[in-house]
Protein backbone atom coordinates (compact mmCIF):
# COMPACT_ATOMS: atom_id res chain seq x y z
CA MET A 1 5.99 -18.22 -12.88
CA GLU A 2 8.37 -20.54 -11.06
CA TRP A 3 7.45 -21.58 -7.54
CA GLU A 4 9.99 -19.35 -5.70
CA THR A 5 8.79 -16.32 -7.61
CA ARG A 6 5.17 -17.30 -7.03
CA ALA A 7 5.86 -17.65 -3.31
CA ARG A 8 7.40 -14.15 -3.18
CA TYR A 9 4.45 -12.82 -5.18
CA ASP A 10 1.92 -14.35 -2.79
CA GLU A 11 3.88 -13.24 0.25
CA SER A 12 4.04 -9.67 -1.05
CA ILE A 13 0.34 -9.43 -1.82
CA PHE A 14 -0.67 -11.01 1.48
CA PHE A 15 1.63 -8.64 3.37
CA VAL A 16 0.18 -5.56 1.69
CA LEU A 17 -3.41 -6.69 2.19
CA THR A 18 -3.11 -8.00 5.75
CA GLU A 19 -0.45 -5.80 7.30
CA LEU A 20 0.06 -2.57 5.39
CA GLU A 21 -3.54 -1.93 4.44
CA GLN A 22 -5.25 -2.86 7.69
CA GLY A 23 -4.06 0.22 9.59
CA LEU A 24 -5.26 2.38 6.73
CA TRP A 25 -8.65 0.71 6.63
CA THR A 26 -9.05 0.99 10.41
CA ASN A 27 -8.25 4.68 10.08
CA GLY A 28 -10.72 5.12 7.23
CA LYS A 29 -13.51 3.27 8.98
CA HIS A 30 -13.20 5.40 12.09
CA ARG A 31 -12.82 8.68 10.21
CA PHE A 32 -15.54 8.39 7.57
CA ALA A 33 -16.78 4.93 6.57
CA LEU A 34 -18.63 3.90 9.72
CA PRO A 35 -21.73 5.72 10.90
CA GLU A 36 -20.63 8.42 13.33
CA GLU A 37 -22.11 6.67 16.33
CA HIS A 38 -19.82 3.68 15.67
CA ARG A 39 -16.60 5.60 15.13
CA VAL A 40 -13.96 5.41 17.86
CA SER A 41 -11.44 8.20 17.50
CA ASP A 42 -9.24 6.67 20.20
CA ILE A 43 -8.35 3.87 17.74
CA LEU A 44 -6.67 6.26 15.28
CA PRO A 45 -3.27 6.35 17.04
CA THR A 46 -3.29 2.54 17.09
CA ALA A 47 -4.04 2.43 13.37
CA THR A 48 -1.13 4.79 12.75
CA PHE A 49 1.15 2.68 14.93
CA GLU A 50 0.18 -0.47 13.03
CA PHE A 51 0.73 1.19 9.65
CA ASN A 52 4.11 2.57 10.75
CA LYS A 53 5.20 -0.88 11.91
CA ALA A 54 4.13 -2.46 8.61
CA VAL A 55 5.71 0.24 6.43
CA SER A 56 8.94 -0.11 8.39
CA THR A 57 8.93 -3.86 7.75
CA LEU A 58 8.22 -3.24 4.07
CA SER A 59 11.11 -0.79 3.87
CA HIS A 60 13.47 -3.49 5.15
CA TRP A 61 12.69 -6.01 2.41
CA PHE A 62 11.70 -3.75 -0.48
CA ASP A 63 13.97 -0.95 -1.61
CA GLY A 64 11.55 0.44 -4.20
CA ASP A 65 14.18 0.55 -6.93
CA ARG A 66 12.43 -1.71 -9.43
CA PHE A 67 9.34 -3.83 -8.96
CA VAL A 68 8.16 -5.99 -6.06
CA LEU A 69 9.49 -9.10 -7.83
CA GLY A 70 12.62 -7.42 -9.15
CA GLU A 71 12.55 -6.94 -12.91
CA GLN A 72 9.00 -8.20 -13.43
CA PHE A 73 5.97 -5.90 -13.10
CA THR A 74 3.04 -7.78 -11.52
CA MET A 75 -0.27 -7.24 -9.80
CA ALA A 76 1.73 -6.97 -6.57
CA ASP A 77 3.05 -3.64 -7.86
CA ILE A 78 -0.44 -2.39 -8.61
CA ILE A 79 -1.70 -3.36 -5.16
CA LEU A 80 1.32 -1.92 -3.37
CA ALA A 81 1.27 1.35 -5.32
CA HIS A 82 -2.45 1.76 -4.72
CA THR A 83 -2.03 1.11 -1.00
CA LEU A 84 0.85 3.59 -0.75
CA ASN A 85 -1.27 6.14 -2.59
CA TRP A 86 -4.05 5.54 -0.09
CA ALA A 87 -1.58 6.04 2.78
CA GLU A 88 -0.36 9.28 1.26
CA SER A 89 -3.92 10.57 0.78
CA PHE A 90 -4.64 9.76 4.45
CA GLU A 91 -1.50 11.75 5.34
CA PHE A 92 0.37 8.81 6.81
CA VAL A 93 4.15 9.05 6.82
CA VAL A 94 5.52 7.01 3.93
CA PRO A 95 9.29 6.69 3.42
CA GLU A 96 10.56 8.69 0.47
CA LYS A 97 11.86 5.63 -1.37
CA LEU A 98 8.37 4.11 -1.26
CA LEU A 99 6.74 7.35 -2.39
CA ASN A 100 9.19 7.47 -5.29
CA TYR A 101 8.25 3.89 -6.15
CA LYS A 102 4.53 4.74 -5.96
CA ASN A 103 5.07 7.77 -8.20
CA ARG A 104 6.93 5.64 -10.76
CA MET A 105 4.07 3.14 -10.81
CA TYR A 106 1.51 5.91 -11.27
CA ALA A 107 3.63 7.44 -14.06
CA ARG A 108 3.37 4.26 -16.14
CA GLU A 109 1.35 4.80 -19.30
CA ALA A 110 -0.94 1.86 -18.54
CA CYS A 111 -1.75 3.35 -15.14
CA LYS A 112 -2.51 6.72 -16.67
CA ARG A 113 -4.84 5.09 -19.20
CA ALA A 114 -6.61 3.07 -16.50
CA LEU A 115 -7.09 6.13 -14.30
CA ALA A 116 -8.38 8.17 -17.24
CA LYS A 117 -10.79 5.41 -18.17
CA ALA A 118 -12.04 5.15 -14.58
CA GLY A 119 -12.74 8.87 -14.68
């Protein structure tokens, strides 16, 4: 992988893990993961705001037509598709073009095999 492509790859993964996912994880922690006495329901609108801001940013630089790096499928696609799936399951608003992308990634035969194997 040439350095420009590697830089875009790293940038994409870091963005998904530090920006897109963090609002989802905050939501999940305060809805079910933390013990009830440590949950703060007042944080949920902030988590939604943060996710919406990140997904808007993502929508500006990724059109969802192919893969994160263009014509090359990478781990960045797996991480992004998984995170978008998580957002959808949490009932966050995800732009249609990104849902279509997520659905294409989940329709890949390798993904179907991996999900079947995971049970």
